[in-house]
Amino acid sequence: MIARLIAWSARNLILVFVAAAFAVAAGVYALKTLPLDAIPDLSDVQVIVYTEYPGQAPQVIEDQVTYPLTTSMLTVPKARVVRGFSFFGVSFVYVIFEDGTDPYWARSRVLEYLNAAARRLPTGVSPTLGPDATGVGWVYQYAVLAKNMTLAELRSLQDWVVRFAASRAEGVAEVASVGGFVKQYAIIVDPVRLRAQGVSLATLREAVRSSNMDVGGRTVELSEFEFMVRGRGYLKSIADIENIVLKSDRGVPLRLSDVARVELGPDERRGITELNGEGEVASGIILQRFGANALSVIEHAKARLAEVAASLPGGAEIVPVYDRSGLIERAIETLKGTLIEESIIVALVCIVFLLHLRSALVAIIMLPVGILIAFAAMKALGLGSNIMSL
């Protein structure tokens, strides 16, 4: 069989050279487009369903949120395992699929079943899907620092400026904000005054919700001009909230400030983020998408962060905290050195044992061709380049 293959190749040199050139071209293309990462992704294909139910105990979360979602996800096609976790005010449901399942097909199926399951949840509770990333998708993290800014200001800067800039980078699935203080308007109700005025907490909550909106009144034509009618109702300050009318008794309004006080303060938080033991900071974690090139994602994210860093106010700066690109580049350099060493050893062995330079050149030339063919096969099989596959 081998003798006939060699004889056929000798008779059809042009076809052999064309096939070799095609294989080399496919290998070069695969080498340039294969996802590069240092850490192999051995995680399962999974979709995370995240649900917030603020202020509720874990048992309430389990009974009213986690259990209905978990039982609904059991019927999702190709779902192998469904796991539910209930914490204070939050629920996580992990739907793990069979090996080989397309991640985006899995997400669409979970979303389809999630729409039906949402009707069984408490009013106002809306489950959402986690980012389209894997367990090793955490590729970069940065911190936002400024000596003359508070933690609340740093977190606002991260949430409304830096995060959106980093999210625009190619291949980024999510930029998660951690650390600092999330600003909120807190209404501290006096229960004695509230009861004395005959107003329930639900009435107060509904009054605040309904007062924070703009309304439109179509248009009015006057003197051949058209004017748009608009009712401005957005709350913009503490005074606006304090002046919300809860009810009116004989023309005398009962304002929110009569039964409560309004403060601008931090939202409840479950942890902190410190940098090098020097104090708290606001930080962002960048997650890459399924199958994305980690090195390319990090480079694009750095470029976006560099653009936005030049326009940050108050002397704020963006400091890298975790950067996987260095590990990836060191792994690539190590691999290059190993391949060169092995190629030299193979060439020397061929020359020593064959004692014929032209015959040794055949094996020496085919070694890089074989490596390129291996990269083409990895591309066809959907494998990425990492320390395990290489």
Protein backbone atom coordinates (compact mmCIF):
# COMPACT_ATOMS: atom_id res chain seq x y z
CA MET A 1 0.00 0.00 0.00
CA ILE A 2 2.74 2.44 0.97
CA ALA A 3 4.84 1.43 -2.04
CA ARG A 4 1.93 2.09 -4.39
CA LEU A 5 1.26 5.46 -2.76
CA ILE A 6 4.92 6.45 -3.21
CA ALA A 7 4.86 5.30 -6.83
CA TRP A 8 1.66 7.24 -7.54
CA SER A 9 3.14 10.36 -5.95
CA ALA A 10 6.28 10.02 -8.07
CA ARG A 11 4.17 9.82 -11.24
CA ASN A 12 1.94 12.79 -10.28
CA LEU A 13 4.35 15.39 -8.98
CA ILE A 14 2.17 18.34 -9.96
CA LEU A 15 -0.82 17.02 -7.99
CA VAL A 16 1.42 16.34 -5.01
CA PHE A 17 2.85 19.87 -5.07
CA VAL A 18 -0.64 21.39 -5.47
CA ALA A 19 -1.96 19.33 -2.54
CA ALA A 20 1.04 20.29 -0.42
CA ALA A 21 0.62 23.98 -1.30
CA PHE A 22 -3.08 23.80 -0.44
CA ALA A 23 -2.30 22.10 2.88
CA VAL A 24 0.33 24.74 3.71
CA ALA A 25 -2.08 27.57 2.83
CA ALA A 26 -4.81 26.02 4.98
CA GLY A 27 -2.35 25.60 7.83
CA VAL A 28 -1.14 29.21 7.62
CA TYR A 29 -4.74 30.46 7.60
CA ALA A 30 -5.60 28.28 10.59
CA LEU A 31 -2.47 29.46 12.42
CA LYS A 32 -3.52 33.10 12.01
CA THR A 33 -7.18 32.61 12.93
CA LEU A 34 -7.06 29.99 15.70
CA PRO A 35 -8.07 31.37 19.12
CA LEU A 36 -4.98 31.82 21.29
CA ASP A 37 -5.06 31.26 25.02
CA ALA A 38 -2.76 29.88 27.66
CA ILE A 39 -5.47 28.13 29.67
CA PRO A 40 -7.48 25.31 28.04
CA ASP A 41 -11.24 25.63 28.33
CA LEU A 42 -12.39 22.37 29.92
CA SER A 43 -15.67 23.76 31.24
CA ASP A 44 -19.07 22.39 30.27
CA VAL A 45 -21.43 24.13 27.89
CA GLN A 46 -23.63 25.95 30.36
CA VAL A 47 -26.11 28.80 30.55
CA ILE A 48 -26.55 30.78 33.78
CA VAL A 49 -29.92 32.25 34.73
CA TYR A 50 -29.53 35.13 37.18
CA THR A 51 -32.49 36.54 39.11
CA GLU A 52 -32.64 39.32 41.70
CA TYR A 53 -35.35 39.47 44.37
CA PRO A 54 -34.06 42.23 46.70
CA GLY A 55 -34.40 41.86 50.44
CA GLN A 56 -35.68 38.28 50.44
CA ALA A 57 -34.28 35.46 52.57
CA PRO A 58 -32.63 32.44 50.89
CA GLN A 59 -35.59 30.18 51.73
CA VAL A 60 -38.01 32.61 50.09
CA ILE A 61 -35.72 32.82 47.06
CA GLU A 62 -35.62 29.02 46.88
CA ASP A 63 -39.40 28.57 47.10
CA GLN A 64 -40.53 31.42 44.87
CA VAL A 65 -37.71 31.81 42.34
CA THR A 66 -35.12 29.02 42.20
CA TYR A 67 -37.50 26.06 42.38
CA PRO A 68 -39.88 27.28 39.61
CA LEU A 69 -36.95 28.09 37.33
CA THR A 70 -35.13 24.83 38.02
CA THR A 71 -38.17 22.66 37.30
CA SER A 72 -38.81 24.57 34.06
CA MET A 73 -35.22 24.15 32.87
CA LEU A 74 -35.34 20.35 33.36
CA THR A 75 -37.26 20.00 30.08
CA VAL A 76 -34.82 22.02 27.96
CA PRO A 77 -33.52 19.85 25.06
CA LYS A 78 -30.00 18.44 25.56
CA ALA A 79 -29.89 19.73 29.15
CA ARG A 80 -27.81 17.24 31.14
CA VAL A 81 -27.76 18.80 34.61
CA VAL A 82 -29.70 21.67 36.20
CA ARG A 83 -28.38 23.20 39.43
CA GLY A 84 -30.03 25.90 41.51
CA PHE A 85 -28.46 28.11 44.18
CA SER A 86 -30.36 30.48 46.45
CA PHE A 87 -28.70 33.34 48.31
CA PHE A 88 -29.88 36.46 50.07
CA GLY A 89 -31.77 38.46 47.46
CA VAL A 90 -30.44 36.55 44.45
CA SER A 91 -30.88 33.22 42.64
CA PHE A 92 -28.57 31.36 40.26
CA VAL A 93 -29.65 28.47 38.03
CA TYR A 94 -26.97 26.64 36.02
CA VAL A 95 -28.18 24.66 32.98
CA ILE A 96 -25.41 22.32 31.82
CA PHE A 97 -25.74 20.84 28.32
CA GLU A 98 -24.37 17.77 26.59
CA ASP A 99 -20.87 17.96 25.13
CA GLY A 100 -20.75 19.39 21.63
CA THR A 101 -23.87 21.54 22.03
CA ASP A 102 -23.60 24.90 20.32
CA PRO A 103 -23.48 27.53 23.10
CA TYR A 104 -25.68 30.03 21.30
CA TRP A 105 -28.26 27.37 20.43
CA ALA A 106 -28.31 26.45 24.13
CA ARG A 107 -28.85 30.09 25.12
CA SER A 108 -31.74 30.49 22.70
CA ARG A 109 -33.43 27.35 24.04
CA VAL A 110 -33.03 28.45 27.66
CA LEU A 111 -34.42 31.88 26.78
CA GLU A 112 -37.41 30.25 25.10
CA TYR A 113 -38.26 28.20 28.20
CA LEU A 114 -37.46 31.15 30.46
CA ASN A 115 -40.23 33.23 28.90
CA ALA A 116 -42.76 30.58 29.90
CA ALA A 117 -41.29 30.15 33.41
CA ALA A 118 -41.35 33.90 34.14
CA ARG A 119 -45.13 33.77 34.60
CA ARG A 120 -44.66 31.62 37.70
CA LEU A 121 -42.39 34.14 39.43
CA PRO A 122 -43.43 36.93 41.82
CA THR A 123 -44.52 40.25 40.35
CA GLY A 124 -41.59 42.44 39.35
CA VAL A 125 -39.04 39.60 39.33
CA SER A 126 -37.32 39.25 35.94
CA PRO A 127 -34.71 36.52 35.33
CA THR A 128 -31.86 37.29 32.94
CA LEU A 129 -29.22 35.20 31.18
CA GLY A 130 -25.61 35.42 32.23
CA PRO A 131 -22.94 36.56 29.77
CA ASP A 132 -22.05 34.35 26.80
CA ALA A 133 -18.70 33.44 28.32
CA THR A 134 -17.03 30.34 29.76
CA GLY A 135 -15.42 29.53 33.08
CA VAL A 136 -12.05 30.77 31.78
CA GLY A 137 -13.46 33.91 30.15
CA TRP A 138 -11.98 36.25 32.78
CA VAL A 139 -9.08 37.63 30.70
CA TYR A 140 -8.52 41.15 32.03
CA GLN A 141 -9.26 43.29 35.07
CA TYR A 142 -8.57 46.94 35.77
CA ALA A 143 -9.06 49.39 38.63
CA VAL A 144 -10.21 53.01 38.45
CA LEU A 145 -8.20 55.23 40.81
CA ALA A 146 -8.26 58.90 41.77
CA LYS A 147 -6.87 60.61 44.87
CA ASN A 148 -9.49 63.36 44.99
CA MET A 149 -12.61 61.28 44.23
CA THR A 150 -14.80 59.24 46.57
CA LEU A 151 -15.61 55.57 46.11
CA ALA A 152 -19.12 56.49 45.01
CA GLU A 153 -17.76 58.84 42.33
CA LEU A 154 -15.27 56.21 41.16
CA ARG A 155 -18.01 53.60 40.87
CA SER A 156 -20.21 56.01 38.92
CA LEU A 157 -17.28 56.74 36.61
CA GLN A 158 -16.76 53.02 36.09
CA ASP A 159 -20.46 52.26 35.53
CA TRP A 160 -21.29 55.13 33.17
CA VAL A 161 -18.05 55.86 31.31
CA VAL A 162 -15.30 53.24 31.50
CA ARG A 163 -17.53 50.16 31.39
CA PHE A 164 -19.30 51.19 28.21
CA ALA A 165 -16.01 52.00 26.50
CA ALA A 166 -14.56 48.58 27.35
CA SER A 167 -17.78 46.82 26.29
CA ARG A 168 -17.30 48.11 22.74
CA ALA A 169 -14.09 46.10 22.31
CA GLU A 170 -14.39 43.20 19.88
CA GLY A 171 -14.98 39.84 21.55
CA VAL A 172 -16.02 41.22 24.95
CA ALA A 173 -19.07 39.47 26.43
CA GLU A 174 -19.45 41.56 29.57
CA VAL A 175 -17.67 44.10 31.72
CA ALA A 176 -18.66 43.45 35.33
CA SER A 177 -18.34 46.30 37.82
CA VAL A 178 -17.12 45.52 41.34
CA GLY A 179 -16.08 47.59 44.32
CA GLY A 180 -16.93 51.12 45.33
CA PHE A 181 -20.39 52.38 46.24
CA VAL A 182 -23.43 52.39 43.96
CA LYS A 183 -25.24 55.67 44.61
CA GLN A 184 -28.95 55.62 45.37
CA TYR A 185 -31.66 57.84 46.78
CA ALA A 186 -32.77 56.35 50.09
CA ILE A 187 -36.20 57.19 51.51
CA ILE A 188 -36.23 56.70 55.30
CA VAL A 189 -39.87 56.48 56.33
CA ASP A 190 -41.13 57.49 59.78
CA PRO A 191 -43.69 54.74 60.52
CA VAL A 192 -45.41 56.78 63.25
CA ARG A 193 -46.06 59.76 60.95
CA LEU A 194 -47.02 57.46 58.08
CA ARG A 195 -49.64 55.72 60.19
CA ALA A 196 -50.93 58.99 61.65
CA GLN A 197 -51.54 60.32 58.14
CA GLY A 198 -53.31 57.11 57.09
CA VAL A 199 -50.89 56.34 54.24
CA SER A 200 -49.58 52.86 53.56
CA LEU A 201 -46.05 52.02 52.49
CA ALA A 202 -47.39 50.63 49.22
CA THR A 203 -49.08 53.96 48.49
CA LEU A 204 -45.83 55.82 49.12
CA ARG A 205 -43.90 53.45 46.87
CA GLU A 206 -46.43 53.81 44.06
CA ALA A 207 -46.41 57.60 44.39
CA VAL A 208 -42.64 57.69 43.98
CA ARG A 209 -42.75 55.33 41.00
CA SER A 210 -45.50 57.20 39.19
CA SER A 211 -43.88 60.60 39.81
CA ASN A 212 -40.65 59.76 38.00
CA MET A 213 -41.74 59.96 34.37
CA ASP A 214 -42.23 62.35 31.48
CA VAL A 215 -45.47 62.39 29.49
CA GLY A 216 -46.33 63.63 26.02
CA GLY A 217 -49.44 65.57 24.98
CA ARG A 218 -49.18 65.42 21.19
CA THR A 219 -48.94 68.85 19.47
CA VAL A 220 -50.62 72.27 19.39
CA GLU A 221 -50.75 74.48 16.27
CA LEU A 222 -50.56 78.25 16.80
CA SER A 223 -49.94 80.87 14.11
CA GLU A 224 -48.74 78.32 11.57
CA PHE A 225 -46.30 76.88 14.10
CA GLU A 226 -46.47 73.44 15.67
CA PHE A 227 -45.56 73.08 19.34
CA MET A 228 -44.95 69.72 21.01
CA VAL A 229 -46.60 69.39 24.41
CA ARG A 230 -44.53 67.65 27.02
CA GLY A 231 -44.98 67.18 30.74
CA ARG A 232 -41.65 67.09 32.54
CA GLY A 233 -41.76 64.77 35.52
CA TYR A 234 -38.36 63.17 35.96
CA LEU A 235 -36.94 63.40 39.47
CA LYS A 236 -33.57 65.15 39.41
CA SER A 237 -32.79 66.01 43.02
CA ILE A 238 -33.60 65.25 46.63
CA ALA A 239 -35.94 68.25 46.71
CA ASP A 240 -37.96 66.80 43.83
CA ILE A 241 -38.46 63.57 45.75
CA GLU A 242 -39.36 65.37 48.97
CA ASN A 243 -42.05 67.38 47.15
CA ILE A 244 -43.89 64.30 45.83
CA VAL A 245 -47.54 64.53 46.83
CA LEU A 246 -48.84 61.39 48.52
CA LYS A 247 -52.45 62.55 48.92
CA SER A 248 -54.53 65.69 49.28
CA ASP A 249 -56.99 66.39 52.10
CA ARG A 250 -59.34 69.37 51.47
CA GLY A 251 -56.84 70.94 49.14
CA VAL A 252 -53.92 70.52 51.54
CA PRO A 253 -51.22 68.26 50.01
CA LEU A 254 -49.39 65.67 52.06
CA ARG A 255 -45.83 65.62 50.77
CA LEU A 256 -43.29 62.87 51.13
CA SER A 257 -41.12 65.13 53.31
CA ASP A 258 -43.94 65.17 55.88
CA VAL A 259 -43.58 61.45 56.60
CA ALA A 260 -40.02 60.62 55.52
CA ARG A 261 -36.59 62.02 54.81
CA VAL A 262 -34.56 61.51 51.63
CA GLU A 263 -30.81 60.88 51.56
CA LEU A 264 -28.26 60.27 48.84
CA GLY A 265 -26.16 57.32 49.96
CA PRO A 266 -24.67 53.97 48.97
CA ASP A 267 -26.66 50.92 47.98
CA GLU A 268 -26.34 47.75 50.03
CA ARG A 269 -23.24 45.77 49.11
CA ARG A 270 -22.03 42.25 49.88
CA GLY A 271 -18.27 42.71 49.52
CA ILE A 272 -15.40 45.08 48.81
CA THR A 273 -12.55 45.34 46.30
CA GLU A 274 -9.05 46.28 47.51
CA LEU A 275 -5.87 46.83 45.52
CA ASN A 276 -2.52 45.76 47.01
CA GLY A 277 -3.83 46.32 50.53
CA GLU A 278 -3.83 50.08 49.97
CA GLY A 279 -7.58 50.58 50.23
CA GLU A 280 -10.78 50.14 48.30
CA VAL A 281 -11.13 50.83 44.59
CA ALA A 282 -13.71 50.55 41.84
CA SER A 283 -12.85 47.85 39.35
CA GLY A 284 -14.01 46.22 36.12
CA ILE A 285 -13.71 42.57 35.05
CA ILE A 286 -13.65 41.85 31.30
CA LEU A 287 -15.09 38.53 30.11
CA GLN A 288 -14.51 37.25 26.58
CA ARG A 289 -17.14 35.58 24.40
CA PHE A 290 -17.34 31.90 23.50
CA GLY A 291 -14.56 30.95 21.09
CA ALA A 292 -12.99 34.42 21.02
CA ASN A 293 -9.26 34.94 20.68
CA ALA A 294 -8.17 35.90 24.19
CA LEU A 295 -5.05 37.75 23.04
CA SER A 296 -7.02 39.76 20.49
CA VAL A 297 -9.78 40.56 23.00
CA ILE A 298 -7.24 41.86 25.52
CA GLU A 299 -5.50 44.01 22.91
CA HIS A 300 -8.79 45.57 21.76
CA ALA A 301 -9.89 46.13 25.37
CA LYS A 302 -6.59 47.85 26.21
CA ALA A 303 -6.98 50.12 23.20
CA ARG A 304 -10.50 51.13 24.25
CA LEU A 305 -9.40 51.75 27.83
CA ALA A 306 -6.46 53.86 26.65
CA GLU A 307 -8.85 56.02 24.61
CA VAL A 308 -11.23 56.66 27.50
CA ALA A 309 -8.43 57.13 30.07
CA ALA A 310 -7.29 60.32 28.34
CA SER A 311 -10.67 61.97 28.95
CA LEU A 312 -11.35 60.91 32.55
CA PRO A 313 -12.07 63.81 34.93
CA GLY A 314 -10.50 64.63 38.27
CA GLY A 315 -7.14 63.02 37.58
CA ALA A 316 -8.66 59.53 37.46
CA GLU A 317 -6.57 56.76 35.94
CA ILE A 318 -7.08 53.17 34.85
CA VAL A 319 -4.62 50.66 36.31
CA PRO A 320 -4.35 47.04 35.06
CA VAL A 321 -4.89 44.47 37.80
CA TYR A 322 -4.96 41.16 35.91
CA ASP A 323 -3.71 40.70 32.35
CA ARG A 324 -3.59 37.23 30.80
CA SER A 325 -1.83 38.41 27.64
CA GLY A 326 1.59 38.12 29.33
CA LEU A 327 0.95 34.47 30.16
CA ILE A 328 -0.27 33.80 26.62
CA GLU A 329 2.77 35.46 25.03
CA ARG A 330 5.18 33.54 27.29
CA ALA A 331 3.42 30.28 26.40
CA ILE A 332 3.73 31.09 22.68
CA GLU A 333 7.43 31.92 22.99
CA THR A 334 8.04 28.68 24.90
CA LEU A 335 6.22 26.72 22.20
CA LYS A 336 8.24 28.39 19.43
CA GLY A 337 11.50 27.53 21.18
CA THR A 338 10.40 23.92 21.70
CA LEU A 339 9.40 23.49 18.03
CA ILE A 340 12.71 24.94 16.82
CA GLU A 341 14.69 22.64 19.13
CA GLU A 342 12.72 19.58 18.02
CA SER A 343 13.12 20.50 14.35
CA ILE A 344 16.89 20.80 14.76
CA ILE A 345 17.08 17.45 16.59
CA VAL A 346 14.99 15.71 13.90
CA ALA A 347 17.16 17.20 11.16
CA LEU A 348 20.37 16.05 12.86
CA VAL A 349 18.98 12.54 13.44
CA CYS A 350 17.92 12.24 9.79
CA ILE A 351 21.31 13.40 8.52
CA VAL A 352 23.26 11.12 10.89
CA PHE A 353 21.24 7.96 10.21
CA LEU A 354 20.56 8.44 6.50
CA LEU A 355 23.99 9.85 5.65
CA HIS A 356 22.35 11.39 2.59
CA LEU A 357 21.54 15.11 2.54
CA ARG A 358 18.81 14.99 -0.14
CA SER A 359 16.96 12.19 1.64
CA ALA A 360 17.25 14.00 4.96
CA LEU A 361 15.84 17.19 3.40
CA VAL A 362 12.61 15.35 2.59
CA ALA A 363 11.94 14.67 6.28
CA ILE A 364 13.21 18.09 7.34
CA ILE A 365 10.93 19.95 4.89
CA MET A 366 7.88 17.83 5.73
CA LEU A 367 8.18 18.55 9.46
CA PRO A 368 6.85 22.16 9.28
CA VAL A 369 4.33 21.07 6.64
CA GLY A 370 3.04 18.43 9.04
CA ILE A 371 2.77 21.03 11.82
CA LEU A 372 0.74 23.33 9.55
CA ILE A 373 -1.55 20.44 8.59
CA ALA A 374 -2.08 19.80 12.31
CA PHE A 375 -3.17 23.42 12.77
CA ALA A 376 -5.58 23.05 9.84
CA ALA A 377 -7.05 19.94 11.48
CA MET A 378 -7.44 21.83 14.78
CA LYS A 379 -9.28 24.59 12.94
CA ALA A 380 -11.62 22.09 11.32
CA LEU A 381 -12.34 20.40 14.66
CA GLY A 382 -12.98 23.70 16.44
CA LEU A 383 -10.02 23.40 18.80
CA GLY A 384 -8.14 26.42 20.11
CA SER A 385 -4.43 26.90 20.62
CA ASN A 386 -3.39 26.49 24.25
CA ILE A 387 -0.76 24.75 26.34
CA MET A 388 -2.75 21.50 26.28
CA SER A 389 -3.65 21.25 22.58
CA LEU A 390 -0.17 22.30 21.46
